[in-house]
Amino acid sequence: MSALLSPKVLPILMLVASNVFMTFAWYGHLKFKTSPLWMAVIFSWLIAFFEYWLAVPANRIGHEVYSAAELKTMQEVITLTVFVVFSVLYLGESLTWNHVLGFVLICGGAALIFRG
């Protein structure tokens, strides 16, 4: 259990959770296109409020052991991973080979950040 609370692991878990909130805040309303836009914005903002309560501490804790560039890179890879799952399972969109190849290229670029 203490390994999960370490500054190396806890920020990653918090960033995953924050990205779930943020993905729903940004894209969850797409299933409710008949709802007024103002309502989508308000609900999205309310969801994003909780996302910030996870993302900001995750970056603060993570900066003890990761550089800002490493934290941002983790954030982007986590964002894409969460979004792929969300778009397939929640929105019912298909994942194409173009998406997969693009994601692999982005992950390859991310791996460069952690070298050295």
PDB file of N, CA and C in Angstrom:
ATOM      1  N   MET A   1       0.819  -1.201   0.000  1.00  0.00           N
ATOM      2  CA  MET A   1       0.000   0.000   0.000  1.00  0.00           C
ATOM      3  C   MET A   1       0.858   1.259   0.000  1.00  0.00           C
ATOM      4  N   SER A   2       1.969   1.227   0.723  1.00  0.00           N
ATOM      5  CA  SER A   2       2.822   2.416   0.775  1.00  0.00           C
ATOM      6  C   SER A   2       3.446   2.710  -0.583  1.00  0.00           C
ATOM      7  N   ALA A   3       3.632   1.689  -1.413  1.00  0.00           N
ATOM      8  CA  ALA A   3       4.164   1.914  -2.760  1.00  0.00           C
ATOM      9  C   ALA A   3       3.189   2.742  -3.592  1.00  0.00           C
ATOM     10  N   LEU A   4       1.891   2.528  -3.399  1.00  0.00           N
ATOM     11  CA  LEU A   4       0.888   3.297  -4.130  1.00  0.00           C
ATOM     12  C   LEU A   4       0.876   4.769  -3.723  1.00  0.00           C
ATOM     13  N   LEU A   5       1.314   5.039  -2.499  1.00  0.00           N
ATOM     14  CA  LEU A   5       1.321   6.410  -1.996  1.00  0.00           C
ATOM     15  C   LEU A   5       2.646   7.120  -2.227  1.00  0.00           C
ATOM     16  N   SER A   6       3.581   6.457  -2.876  1.00  0.00           N
ATOM     17  CA  SER A   6       4.886   7.066  -3.123  1.00  0.00           C
ATOM     18  C   SER A   6       4.769   8.176  -4.164  1.00  0.00           C
ATOM     19  N   PRO A   7       5.683   9.151  -4.131  1.00  0.00           N
ATOM     20  CA  PRO A   7       5.646  10.247  -5.100  1.00  0.00           C
ATOM     21  C   PRO A   7       5.873   9.793  -6.546  1.00  0.00           C
ATOM     22  N   LYS A   8       6.316   8.568  -6.736  1.00  0.00           N
ATOM     23  CA  LYS A   8       6.472   8.047  -8.104  1.00  0.00           C
ATOM     24  C   LYS A   8       5.171   7.459  -8.638  1.00  0.00           C
ATOM     25  N   VAL A   9       4.341   6.883  -7.784  1.00  0.00           N
ATOM     26  CA  VAL A   9       3.146   6.176  -8.232  1.00  0.00           C
ATOM     27  C   VAL A   9       1.868   6.995  -8.014  1.00  0.00           C
ATOM     28  N   LEU A  10       1.723   7.616  -6.865  1.00  0.00           N
ATOM     29  CA  LEU A  10       0.496   8.346  -6.540  1.00  0.00           C
ATOM     30  C   LEU A  10       0.131   9.393  -7.593  1.00  0.00           C
ATOM     31  N   PRO A  11       1.075  10.196  -8.078  1.00  0.00           N
ATOM     32  CA  PRO A  11       0.703  11.183  -9.103  1.00  0.00           C
ATOM     33  C   PRO A  11       0.141  10.544 -10.375  1.00  0.00           C
ATOM     34  N   ILE A  12       0.658   9.402 -10.749  1.00  0.00           N
ATOM     35  CA  ILE A  12       0.159   8.715 -11.944  1.00  0.00           C
ATOM     36  C   ILE A  12      -1.288   8.287 -11.722  1.00  0.00           C
ATOM     37  N   LEU A  13      -1.571   7.708 -10.569  1.00  0.00           N
ATOM     38  CA  LEU A  13      -2.937   7.289 -10.257  1.00  0.00           C
ATOM     39  C   LEU A  13      -3.886   8.483 -10.214  1.00  0.00           C
ATOM     40  N   MET A  14      -3.420   9.583  -9.639  1.00  0.00           N
ATOM     41  CA  MET A  14      -4.240  10.785  -9.553  1.00  0.00           C
ATOM     42  C   MET A  14      -4.474  11.390 -10.939  1.00  0.00           C
ATOM     43  N   LEU A  15      -3.451  11.335 -11.803  1.00  0.00           N
ATOM     44  CA  LEU A  15      -3.616  11.851 -13.161  1.00  0.00           C
ATOM     45  C   LEU A  15      -4.588  11.000 -13.969  1.00  0.00           C
ATOM     46  N   VAL A  16      -4.568   9.698 -13.750  1.00  0.00           N
ATOM     47  CA  VAL A  16      -5.546   8.828 -14.425  1.00  0.00           C
ATOM     48  C   VAL A  16      -6.959   9.217 -13.977  1.00  0.00           C
ATOM     49  N   ALA A  17      -7.155   9.342 -12.670  1.00  0.00           N
ATOM     50  CA  ALA A  17      -8.482   9.707 -12.153  1.00  0.00           C
ATOM     51  C   ALA A  17      -8.901  11.089 -12.657  1.00  0.00           C
ATOM     52  N   SER A  18      -7.979  12.050 -12.649  1.00  0.00           N
ATOM     53  CA  SER A  18      -8.323  13.393 -13.110  1.00  0.00           C
ATOM     54  C   SER A  18      -8.694  13.386 -14.585  1.00  0.00           C
ATOM     55  N   ASN A  19      -8.032  12.550 -15.364  1.00  0.00           N
ATOM     56  CA  ASN A  19      -8.337  12.484 -16.787  1.00  0.00           C
ATOM     57  C   ASN A  19      -9.695  11.847 -17.062  1.00  0.00           C
ATOM     58  N   VAL A  20     -10.112  10.941 -16.214  1.00  0.00           N
ATOM     59  CA  VAL A  20     -11.460  10.387 -16.369  1.00  0.00           C
ATOM     60  C   VAL A  20     -12.478  11.511 -16.170  1.00  0.00           C
ATOM     61  N   PHE A  21     -12.310  12.307 -15.126  1.00  0.00           N
ATOM     62  CA  PHE A  21     -13.197  13.439 -14.899  1.00  0.00           C
ATOM     63  C   PHE A  21     -13.161  14.413 -16.072  1.00  0.00           C
ATOM     64  N   MET A  22     -11.949  14.768 -16.517  1.00  0.00           N
ATOM     65  CA  MET A  22     -11.830  15.780 -17.564  1.00  0.00           C
ATOM     66  C   MET A  22     -12.379  15.290 -18.897  1.00  0.00           C
ATOM     67  N   THR A  23     -12.197  14.019 -19.183  1.00  0.00           N
ATOM     68  CA  THR A  23     -12.738  13.487 -20.434  1.00  0.00           C
ATOM     69  C   THR A  23     -14.259  13.558 -20.422  1.00  0.00           C
ATOM     70  N   PHE A  24     -14.865  13.227 -19.292  1.00  0.00           N
ATOM     71  CA  PHE A  24     -16.320  13.368 -19.195  1.00  0.00           C
ATOM     72  C   PHE A  24     -16.733  14.840 -19.266  1.00  0.00           C
ATOM     73  N   ALA A  25     -15.940  15.717 -18.672  1.00  0.00           N
ATOM     74  CA  ALA A  25     -16.268  17.144 -18.719  1.00  0.00           C
ATOM     75  C   ALA A  25     -16.213  17.670 -20.153  1.00  0.00           C
ATOM     76  N   TRP A  26     -15.217  17.284 -20.902  1.00  0.00           N
ATOM     77  CA  TRP A  26     -15.037  17.817 -22.250  1.00  0.00           C
ATOM     78  C   TRP A  26     -15.897  17.117 -23.296  1.00  0.00           C
ATOM     79  N   TYR A  27     -16.111  15.804 -23.147  1.00  0.00           N
ATOM     80  CA  TYR A  27     -16.754  15.045 -24.219  1.00  0.00           C
ATOM     81  C   TYR A  27     -18.034  14.320 -23.817  1.00  0.00           C
ATOM     82  N   GLY A  28     -18.324  14.215 -22.543  1.00  0.00           N
ATOM     83  CA  GLY A  28     -19.508  13.483 -22.091  1.00  0.00           C
ATOM     84  C   GLY A  28     -20.808  14.061 -22.620  1.00  0.00           C
ATOM     85  N   HIS A  29     -20.840  15.366 -22.803  1.00  0.00           N
ATOM     86  CA  HIS A  29     -22.054  16.029 -23.277  1.00  0.00           C
ATOM     87  C   HIS A  29     -22.400  15.677 -24.719  1.00  0.00           C
ATOM     88  N   LEU A  30     -21.477  15.073 -25.454  1.00  0.00           N
ATOM     89  CA  LEU A  30     -21.738  14.733 -26.853  1.00  0.00           C
ATOM     90  C   LEU A  30     -22.854  13.700 -27.000  1.00  0.00           C
ATOM     91  N   LYS A  31     -23.147  12.963 -25.945  1.00  0.00           N
ATOM     92  CA  LYS A  31     -24.274  12.034 -25.973  1.00  0.00           C
ATOM     93  C   LYS A  31     -25.606  12.743 -25.729  1.00  0.00           C
ATOM     94  N   PHE A  32     -25.557  13.992 -25.355  1.00  0.00           N
ATOM     95  CA  PHE A  32     -26.766  14.750 -25.013  1.00  0.00           C
ATOM     96  C   PHE A  32     -26.863  16.013 -25.878  1.00  0.00           C
ATOM     97  N   LYS A  33     -26.863  15.820 -27.169  1.00  0.00           N
ATOM     98  CA  LYS A  33     -26.828  16.950 -28.108  1.00  0.00           C
ATOM     99  C   LYS A  33     -28.091  17.800 -28.083  1.00  0.00           C
ATOM    100  N   THR A  34     -29.160  17.279 -27.536  1.00  0.00           N
ATOM    101  CA  THR A  34     -30.396  18.069 -27.482  1.00  0.00           C
ATOM    102  C   THR A  34     -30.439  18.987 -26.264  1.00  0.00           C
ATOM    103  N   SER A  35     -29.548  18.776 -25.321  1.00  0.00           N
ATOM    104  CA  SER A  35     -29.483  19.660 -24.159  1.00  0.00           C
ATOM    105  C   SER A  35     -28.923  21.014 -24.591  1.00  0.00           C
ATOM    106  N   PRO A  36     -29.376  22.079 -23.964  1.00  0.00           N
ATOM    107  CA  PRO A  36     -28.851  23.407 -24.318  1.00  0.00           C
ATOM    108  C   PRO A  36     -27.343  23.490 -24.059  1.00  0.00           C
ATOM    109  N   LEU A  37     -26.658  24.241 -24.884  1.00  0.00           N
ATOM    110  CA  LEU A  37     -25.215  24.383 -24.750  1.00  0.00           C
ATOM    111  C   LEU A  37     -24.823  24.954 -23.394  1.00  0.00           C
ATOM    112  N   TRP A  38     -25.585  25.914 -22.897  1.00  0.00           N
ATOM    113  CA  TRP A  38     -25.245  26.508 -21.606  1.00  0.00           C
ATOM    114  C   TRP A  38     -25.244  25.453 -20.499  1.00  0.00           C
ATOM    115  N   MET A  39     -26.168  24.492 -20.605  1.00  0.00           N
ATOM    116  CA  MET A  39     -26.245  23.432 -19.602  1.00  0.00           C
ATOM    117  C   MET A  39     -25.023  22.516 -19.701  1.00  0.00           C
ATOM    118  N   ALA A  40     -24.604  22.219 -20.919  1.00  0.00           N
ATOM    119  CA  ALA A  40     -23.414  21.393 -21.116  1.00  0.00           C
ATOM    120  C   ALA A  40     -22.191  22.081 -20.528  1.00  0.00           C
ATOM    121  N   VAL A  41     -22.096  23.387 -20.730  1.00  0.00           N
ATOM    122  CA  VAL A  41     -20.949  24.139 -20.200  1.00  0.00           C
ATOM    123  C   VAL A  41     -20.957  24.120 -18.675  1.00  0.00           C
ATOM    124  N   ILE A  42     -22.100  24.356 -18.060  1.00  0.00           N
ATOM    125  CA  ILE A  42     -22.191  24.374 -16.593  1.00  0.00           C
ATOM    126  C   ILE A  42     -21.834  23.009 -16.012  1.00  0.00           C
ATOM    127  N   PHE A  43     -22.434  21.948 -16.565  1.00  0.00           N
ATOM    128  CA  PHE A  43     -22.146  20.611 -16.042  1.00  0.00           C
ATOM    129  C   PHE A  43     -20.680  20.235 -16.277  1.00  0.00           C
ATOM    130  N   SER A  44     -20.144  20.614 -17.425  1.00  0.00           N
ATOM    131  CA  SER A  44     -18.734  20.340 -17.706  1.00  0.00           C
ATOM    132  C   SER A  44     -17.835  21.054 -16.713  1.00  0.00           C
ATOM    133  N   TRP A  45     -18.169  22.295 -16.408  1.00  0.00           N
ATOM    134  CA  TRP A  45     -17.373  23.054 -15.458  1.00  0.00           C
ATOM    135  C   TRP A  45     -17.425  22.421 -14.072  1.00  0.00           C
ATOM    136  N   LEU A  46     -18.592  21.958 -13.671  1.00  0.00           N
ATOM    137  CA  LEU A  46     -18.727  21.316 -12.355  1.00  0.00           C
ATOM    138  C   LEU A  46     -17.891  20.033 -12.281  1.00  0.00           C
ATOM    139  N   ILE A  47     -17.881  19.260 -13.362  1.00  0.00           N
ATOM    140  CA  ILE A  47     -17.061  18.043 -13.401  1.00  0.00           C
ATOM    141  C   ILE A  47     -15.579  18.414 -13.365  1.00  0.00           C
ATOM    142  N   ALA A  48     -15.203  19.443 -14.133  1.00  0.00           N
ATOM    143  CA  ALA A  48     -13.802  19.857 -14.200  1.00  0.00           C
ATOM    144  C   ALA A  48     -13.284  20.351 -12.857  1.00  0.00           C
ATOM    145  N   PHE A  49     -14.159  20.899 -12.041  1.00  0.00           N
ATOM    146  CA  PHE A  49     -13.761  21.343 -10.704  1.00  0.00           C
ATOM    147  C   PHE A  49     -13.111  20.198  -9.929  1.00  0.00           C
ATOM    148  N   PHE A  50     -13.722  19.016 -10.002  1.00  0.00           N
ATOM    149  CA  PHE A  50     -13.167  17.859  -9.294  1.00  0.00           C
ATOM    150  C   PHE A  50     -11.885  17.365  -9.957  1.00  0.00           C
ATOM    151  N   GLU A  51     -11.801  17.533 -11.254  1.00  0.00           N
ATOM    152  CA  GLU A  51     -10.580  17.149 -11.972  1.00  0.00           C
ATOM    153  C   GLU A  51      -9.394  17.956 -11.458  1.00  0.00           C
ATOM    154  N   TYR A  52      -9.599  19.233 -11.238  1.00  0.00           N
ATOM    155  CA  TYR A  52      -8.517  20.091 -10.744  1.00  0.00           C
ATOM    156  C   TYR A  52      -8.054  19.675  -9.352  1.00  0.00           C
ATOM    157  N   TRP A  53      -8.989  19.175  -8.533  1.00  0.00           N
ATOM    158  CA  TRP A  53      -8.627  18.722  -7.187  1.00  0.00           C
ATOM    159  C   TRP A  53      -7.740  17.483  -7.223  1.00  0.00           C
ATOM    160  N   LEU A  54      -7.675  16.829  -8.356  1.00  0.00           N
ATOM    161  CA  LEU A  54      -6.774  15.687  -8.528  1.00  0.00           C
ATOM    162  C   LEU A  54      -5.513  16.077  -9.298  1.00  0.00           C
ATOM    163  N   ALA A  55      -5.653  16.845 -10.351  1.00  0.00           N
ATOM    164  CA  ALA A  55      -4.522  17.159 -11.225  1.00  0.00           C
ATOM    165  C   ALA A  55      -3.492  18.064 -10.560  1.00  0.00           C
ATOM    166  N   VAL A  56      -3.958  19.096  -9.874  1.00  0.00           N
ATOM    167  CA  VAL A  56      -3.013  20.028  -9.261  1.00  0.00           C
ATOM    168  C   VAL A  56      -2.175  19.339  -8.170  1.00  0.00           C
ATOM    169  N   PRO A  57      -2.793  18.617  -7.237  1.00  0.00           N
ATOM    170  CA  PRO A  57      -1.958  17.901  -6.255  1.00  0.00           C
ATOM    171  C   PRO A  57      -1.077  16.825  -6.904  1.00  0.00           C
ATOM    172  N   ALA A  58      -1.578  16.176  -7.955  1.00  0.00           N
ATOM    173  CA  ALA A  58      -0.762  15.160  -8.627  1.00  0.00           C
ATOM    174  C   ALA A  58       0.516  15.770  -9.160  1.00  0.00           C
ATOM    175  N   ASN A  59       0.407  16.938  -9.769  1.00  0.00           N
ATOM    176  CA  ASN A  59       1.606  17.597 -10.296  1.00  0.00           C
ATOM    177  C   ASN A  59       2.511  18.116  -9.179  1.00  0.00           C
ATOM    178  N   ARG A  60       1.917  18.592  -8.113  1.00  0.00           N
ATOM    179  CA  ARG A  60       2.718  19.091  -6.992  1.00  0.00           C
ATOM    180  C   ARG A  60       3.501  17.944  -6.359  1.00  0.00           C
ATOM    181  N   ILE A  61       2.823  16.816  -6.108  1.00  0.00           N
ATOM    182  CA  ILE A  61       3.472  15.650  -5.504  1.00  0.00           C
ATOM    183  C   ILE A  61       4.475  15.051  -6.485  1.00  0.00           C
ATOM    184  N   GLY A  62       4.070  14.926  -7.737  1.00  0.00           N
ATOM    185  CA  GLY A  62       4.934  14.312  -8.743  1.00  0.00           C
ATOM    186  C   GLY A  62       6.199  15.089  -9.028  1.00  0.00           C
ATOM    187  N   HIS A  63       6.154  16.404  -8.835  1.00  0.00           N
ATOM    188  CA  HIS A  63       7.342  17.221  -9.114  1.00  0.00           C
ATOM    189  C   HIS A  63       8.469  16.962  -8.129  1.00  0.00           C
ATOM    190  N   GLU A  64       8.178  16.224  -7.060  1.00  0.00           N
ATOM    191  CA  GLU A  64       9.244  15.809  -6.145  1.00  0.00           C
ATOM    192  C   GLU A  64      10.212  14.848  -6.828  1.00  0.00           C
ATOM    193  N   VAL A  65       9.701  14.060  -7.786  1.00  0.00           N
ATOM    194  CA  VAL A  65      10.535  13.029  -8.423  1.00  0.00           C
ATOM    195  C   VAL A  65      10.569  13.119  -9.949  1.00  0.00           C
ATOM    196  N   TYR A  66       9.667  13.865 -10.555  1.00  0.00           N
ATOM    197  CA  TYR A  66       9.621  14.009 -12.009  1.00  0.00           C
ATOM    198  C   TYR A  66       9.822  15.478 -12.386  1.00  0.00           C
ATOM    199  N   SER A  67      10.389  15.706 -13.561  1.00  0.00           N
ATOM    200  CA  SER A  67      10.488  17.072 -14.067  1.00  0.00           C
ATOM    201  C   SER A  67       9.116  17.494 -14.588  1.00  0.00           C
ATOM    202  N   ALA A  68       8.959  18.780 -14.814  1.00  0.00           N
ATOM    203  CA  ALA A  68       7.697  19.277 -15.360  1.00  0.00           C
ATOM    204  C   ALA A  68       7.438  18.667 -16.744  1.00  0.00           C
ATOM    205  N   ALA A  69       8.479  18.522 -17.541  1.00  0.00           N
ATOM    206  CA  ALA A  69       8.334  17.918 -18.871  1.00  0.00           C
ATOM    207  C   ALA A  69       7.874  16.466 -18.761  1.00  0.00           C
ATOM    208  N   GLU A  70       8.409  15.742 -17.798  1.00  0.00           N
ATOM    209  CA  GLU A  70       7.985  14.352 -17.606  1.00  0.00           C
ATOM    210  C   GLU A  70       6.530  14.278 -17.149  1.00  0.00           C
ATOM    211  N   LEU A  71       6.138  15.165 -16.241  1.00  0.00           N
ATOM    212  CA  LEU A  71       4.744  15.185 -15.777  1.00  0.00           C
ATOM    213  C   LEU A  71       3.790  15.504 -16.923  1.00  0.00           C
ATOM    214  N   LYS A  72       4.147  16.483 -17.748  1.00  0.00           N
ATOM    215  CA  LYS A  72       3.294  16.845 -18.873  1.00  0.00           C
ATOM    216  C   LYS A  72       3.199  15.703 -19.876  1.00  0.00           C
ATOM    217  N   THR A  73       4.310  15.029 -20.098  1.00  0.00           N
ATOM    218  CA  THR A  73       4.324  13.902 -21.030  1.00  0.00           C
ATOM    219  C   THR A  73       3.434  12.778 -20.508  1.00  0.00           C
ATOM    220  N   MET A  74       3.550  12.458 -19.219  1.00  0.00           N
ATOM    221  CA  MET A  74       2.664  11.453 -18.623  1.00  0.00           C
ATOM    222  C   MET A  74       1.212  11.858 -18.801  1.00  0.00           C
ATOM    223  N   GLN A  75       0.930  13.128 -18.543  1.00  0.00           N
ATOM    224  CA  GLN A  75      -0.434  13.642 -18.659  1.00  0.00           C
ATOM    225  C   GLN A  75      -0.979  13.400 -20.065  1.00  0.00           C
ATOM    226  N   GLU A  76      -0.192  13.661 -21.080  1.00  0.00           N
ATOM    227  CA  GLU A  76      -0.663  13.514 -22.461  1.00  0.00           C
ATOM    228  C   GLU A  76      -0.916  12.050 -22.816  1.00  0.00           C
ATOM    229  N   VAL A  77      -0.012  11.175 -22.411  1.00  0.00           N
ATOM    230  CA  VAL A  77      -0.200   9.748 -22.705  1.00  0.00           C
ATOM    231  C   VAL A  77      -1.414   9.211 -21.946  1.00  0.00           C
ATOM    232  N   ILE A  78      -1.565   9.611 -20.695  1.00  0.00           N
ATOM    233  CA  ILE A  78      -2.733   9.196 -19.910  1.00  0.00           C
ATOM    234  C   ILE A  78      -4.005   9.738 -20.546  1.00  0.00           C
ATOM    235  N   THR A  79      -3.979  10.994 -20.974  1.00  0.00           N
ATOM    236  CA  THR A  79      -5.146  11.601 -21.619  1.00  0.00           C
ATOM    237  C   THR A  79      -5.570  10.807 -22.843  1.00  0.00           C
ATOM    238  N   LEU A  80      -4.617  10.471 -23.690  1.00  0.00           N
ATOM    239  CA  LEU A  80      -4.946   9.709 -24.896  1.00  0.00           C
ATOM    240  C   LEU A  80      -5.477   8.321 -24.556  1.00  0.00           C
ATOM    241  N   THR A  81      -4.885   7.681 -23.579  1.00  0.00           N
ATOM    242  CA  THR A  81      -5.324   6.345 -23.190  1.00  0.00           C
ATOM    243  C   THR A  81      -6.751   6.378 -22.654  1.00  0.00           C
ATOM    244  N   VAL A  82      -7.016   7.313 -21.756  1.00  0.00           N
ATOM    245  CA  VAL A  82      -8.365   7.446 -21.188  1.00  0.00           C
ATOM    246  C   VAL A  82      -9.355   7.789 -22.295  1.00  0.00           C
ATOM    247  N   PHE A  83      -8.956   8.685 -23.205  1.00  0.00           N
ATOM    248  CA  PHE A  83      -9.862   9.091 -24.273  1.00  0.00           C
ATOM    249  C   PHE A  83     -10.202   7.930 -25.205  1.00  0.00           C
ATOM    250  N   VAL A  84      -9.221   7.089 -25.527  1.00  0.00           N
ATOM    251  CA  VAL A  84      -9.487   5.943 -26.401  1.00  0.00           C
ATOM    252  C   VAL A  84     -10.543   5.039 -25.762  1.00  0.00           C
ATOM    253  N   VAL A  85     -10.360   4.716 -24.504  1.00  0.00           N
ATOM    254  CA  VAL A  85     -11.321   3.861 -23.801  1.00  0.00           C
ATOM    255  C   VAL A  85     -12.692   4.542 -23.768  1.00  0.00           C
ATOM    256  N   PHE A  86     -12.719   5.826 -23.442  1.00  0.00           N
ATOM    257  CA  PHE A  86     -13.958   6.590 -23.360  1.00  0.00           C
ATOM    258  C   PHE A  86     -14.685   6.632 -24.702  1.00  0.00           C
ATOM    259  N   SER A  87     -13.951   6.944 -25.763  1.00  0.00           N
ATOM    260  CA  SER A  87     -14.607   7.099 -27.062  1.00  0.00           C
ATOM    261  C   SER A  87     -15.168   5.782 -27.582  1.00  0.00           C
ATOM    262  N   VAL A  88     -14.491   4.684 -27.272  1.00  0.00           N
ATOM    263  CA  VAL A  88     -14.989   3.382 -27.718  1.00  0.00           C
ATOM    264  C   VAL A  88     -16.144   2.908 -26.844  1.00  0.00           C
ATOM    265  N   LEU A  89     -15.969   2.945 -25.523  1.00  0.00           N
ATOM    266  CA  LEU A  89     -16.980   2.387 -24.624  1.00  0.00           C
ATOM    267  C   LEU A  89     -18.165   3.317 -24.365  1.00  0.00           C
ATOM    268  N   TYR A  90     -17.922   4.607 -24.219  1.00  0.00           N
ATOM    269  CA  TYR A  90     -18.995   5.535 -23.869  1.00  0.00           C
ATOM    270  C   TYR A  90     -19.664   6.137 -25.101  1.00  0.00           C
ATOM    271  N   LEU A  91     -18.849   6.599 -26.044  1.00  0.00           N
ATOM    272  CA  LEU A  91     -19.416   7.232 -27.235  1.00  0.00           C
ATOM    273  C   LEU A  91     -19.725   6.234 -28.344  1.00  0.00           C
ATOM    274  N   GLY A  92     -19.191   5.019 -28.237  1.00  0.00           N
ATOM    275  CA  GLY A  92     -19.463   3.994 -29.234  1.00  0.00           C
ATOM    276  C   GLY A  92     -18.754   4.226 -30.555  1.00  0.00           C
ATOM    277  N   GLU A  93     -17.676   4.984 -30.528  1.00  0.00           N
ATOM    278  CA  GLU A  93     -16.917   5.240 -31.748  1.00  0.00           C
ATOM    279  C   GLU A  93     -15.898   4.135 -31.965  1.00  0.00           C
ATOM    280  N   SER A  94     -15.529   3.939 -33.214  1.00  0.00           N
ATOM    281  CA  SER A  94     -14.570   2.875 -33.514  1.00  0.00           C
ATOM    282  C   SER A  94     -13.144   3.414 -33.472  1.00  0.00           C
ATOM    283  N   LEU A  95     -12.241   2.536 -33.172  1.00  0.00           N
ATOM    284  CA  LEU A  95     -10.817   2.844 -33.141  1.00  0.00           C
ATOM    285  C   LEU A  95     -10.221   2.342 -34.448  1.00  0.00           C
ATOM    286  N   THR A  96      -9.631   3.238 -35.229  1.00  0.00           N
ATOM    287  CA  THR A  96      -9.085   2.847 -36.523  1.00  0.00           C
ATOM    288  C   THR A  96      -7.567   2.638 -36.418  1.00  0.00           C
ATOM    289  N   TRP A  97      -7.011   2.042 -37.463  1.00  0.00           N
ATOM    290  CA  TRP A  97      -5.560   1.843 -37.484  1.00  0.00           C
ATOM    291  C   TRP A  97      -4.817   3.175 -37.512  1.00  0.00           C
ATOM    292  N   ASN A  98      -5.405   4.190 -38.106  1.00  0.00           N
ATOM    293  CA  ASN A  98      -4.787   5.520 -38.088  1.00  0.00           C
ATOM    294  C   ASN A  98      -4.671   6.032 -36.660  1.00  0.00           C
ATOM    295  N   HIS A  99      -5.733   5.819 -35.874  1.00  0.00           N
ATOM    296  CA  HIS A  99      -5.698   6.231 -34.467  1.00  0.00           C
ATOM    297  C   HIS A  99      -4.600   5.475 -33.719  1.00  0.00           C
ATOM    298  N   VAL A 100      -4.552   4.173 -33.931  1.00  0.00           N
ATOM    299  CA  VAL A 100      -3.567   3.338 -33.226  1.00  0.00           C
ATOM    300  C   VAL A 100      -2.153   3.758 -33.608  1.00  0.00           C
ATOM    301  N   LEU A 101      -1.893   3.930 -34.904  1.00  0.00           N
ATOM    302  CA  LEU A 101      -0.552   4.319 -35.347  1.00  0.00           C
ATOM    303  C   LEU A 101      -0.176   5.692 -34.801  1.00  0.00           C
ATOM    304  N   GLY A 102      -1.105   6.635 -34.849  1.00  0.00           N
ATOM    305  CA  GLY A 102      -0.826   7.958 -34.296  1.00  0.00           C
ATOM    306  C   GLY A 102      -0.510   7.893 -32.815  1.00  0.00           C
ATOM    307  N   PHE A 103      -1.257   7.084 -32.091  1.00  0.00           N
ATOM    308  CA  PHE A 103      -1.021   6.931 -30.659  1.00  0.00           C
ATOM    309  C   PHE A 103       0.349   6.309 -30.389  1.00  0.00           C
ATOM    310  N   VAL A 104       0.718   5.312 -31.173  1.00  0.00           N
ATOM    311  CA  VAL A 104       2.033   4.684 -31.020  1.00  0.00           C
ATOM    312  C   VAL A 104       3.149   5.704 -31.272  1.00  0.00           C
ATOM    313  N   LEU A 105       2.986   6.545 -32.284  1.00  0.00           N
ATOM    314  CA  LEU A 105       3.997   7.571 -32.564  1.00  0.00           C
ATOM    315  C   LEU A 105       4.105   8.580 -31.426  1.00  0.00           C
ATOM    316  N   ILE A 106       2.963   8.968 -30.873  1.00  0.00           N
ATOM    317  CA  ILE A 106       2.980   9.897 -29.732  1.00  0.00           C
ATOM    318  C   ILE A 106       3.668   9.243 -28.530  1.00  0.00           C
ATOM    319  N   CYS A 107       3.370   7.977 -28.278  1.00  0.00           N
ATOM    320  CA  CYS A 107       4.019   7.268 -27.167  1.00  0.00           C
ATOM    321  C   CYS A 107       5.521   7.142 -27.402  1.00  0.00           C
ATOM    322  N   GLY A 108       5.909   6.959 -28.655  1.00  0.00           N
ATOM    323  CA  GLY A 108       7.336   6.899 -28.966  1.00  0.00           C
ATOM    324  C   GLY A 108       8.013   8.228 -28.648  1.00  0.00           C
ATOM    325  N   GLY A 109       7.339   9.325 -28.990  1.00  0.00           N
ATOM    326  CA  GLY A 109       7.876  10.643 -28.645  1.00  0.00           C
ATOM    327  C   GLY A 109       7.931  10.833 -27.144  1.00  0.00           C
ATOM    328  N   ALA A 110       6.920  10.352 -26.452  1.00  0.00           N
ATOM    329  CA  ALA A 110       6.908  10.460 -24.990  1.00  0.00           C
ATOM    330  C   ALA A 110       8.063   9.696 -24.374  1.00  0.00           C
ATOM    331  N   ALA A 111       8.382   8.532 -24.947  1.00  0.00           N
ATOM    332  CA  ALA A 111       9.479   7.731 -24.413  1.00  0.00           C
ATOM    333  C   ALA A 111      10.806   8.484 -24.487  1.00  0.00           C
ATOM    334  N   LEU A 112      10.950   9.350 -25.500  1.00  0.00           N
ATOM    335  CA  LEU A 112      12.184  10.148 -25.605  1.00  0.00           C
ATOM    336  C   LEU A 112      12.358  11.092 -24.429  1.00  0.00           C
ATOM    337  N   ILE A 113      11.261  11.594 -23.906  1.00  0.00           N
ATOM    338  CA  ILE A 113      11.311  12.523 -22.763  1.00  0.00           C
ATOM    339  C   ILE A 113      11.938  11.841 -21.546  1.00  0.00           C
ATOM    340  N   PHE A 114      11.684  10.552 -21.390  1.00  0.00           N
ATOM    341  CA  PHE A 114      12.145   9.835 -20.202  1.00  0.00           C
ATOM    342  C   PHE A 114      13.529   9.206 -20.389  1.00  0.00           C
ATOM    343  N   ARG A 115      14.117   9.350 -21.549  1.00  0.00           N
ATOM    344  CA  ARG A 115      15.487   8.839 -21.751  1.00  0.00           C
ATOM    345  C   ARG A 115      16.470   9.836 -21.203  1.00  0.00           C
ATOM    346  N   GLY A 116      17.408   9.344 -20.495  1.00  0.00           N
ATOM    347  CA  GLY A 116      18.481  10.226 -20.048  1.00  0.00           C
ATOM    348  C   GLY A 116      18.244  10.736 -18.729  1.00  0.00           C
TER     349      GLY A 116
END
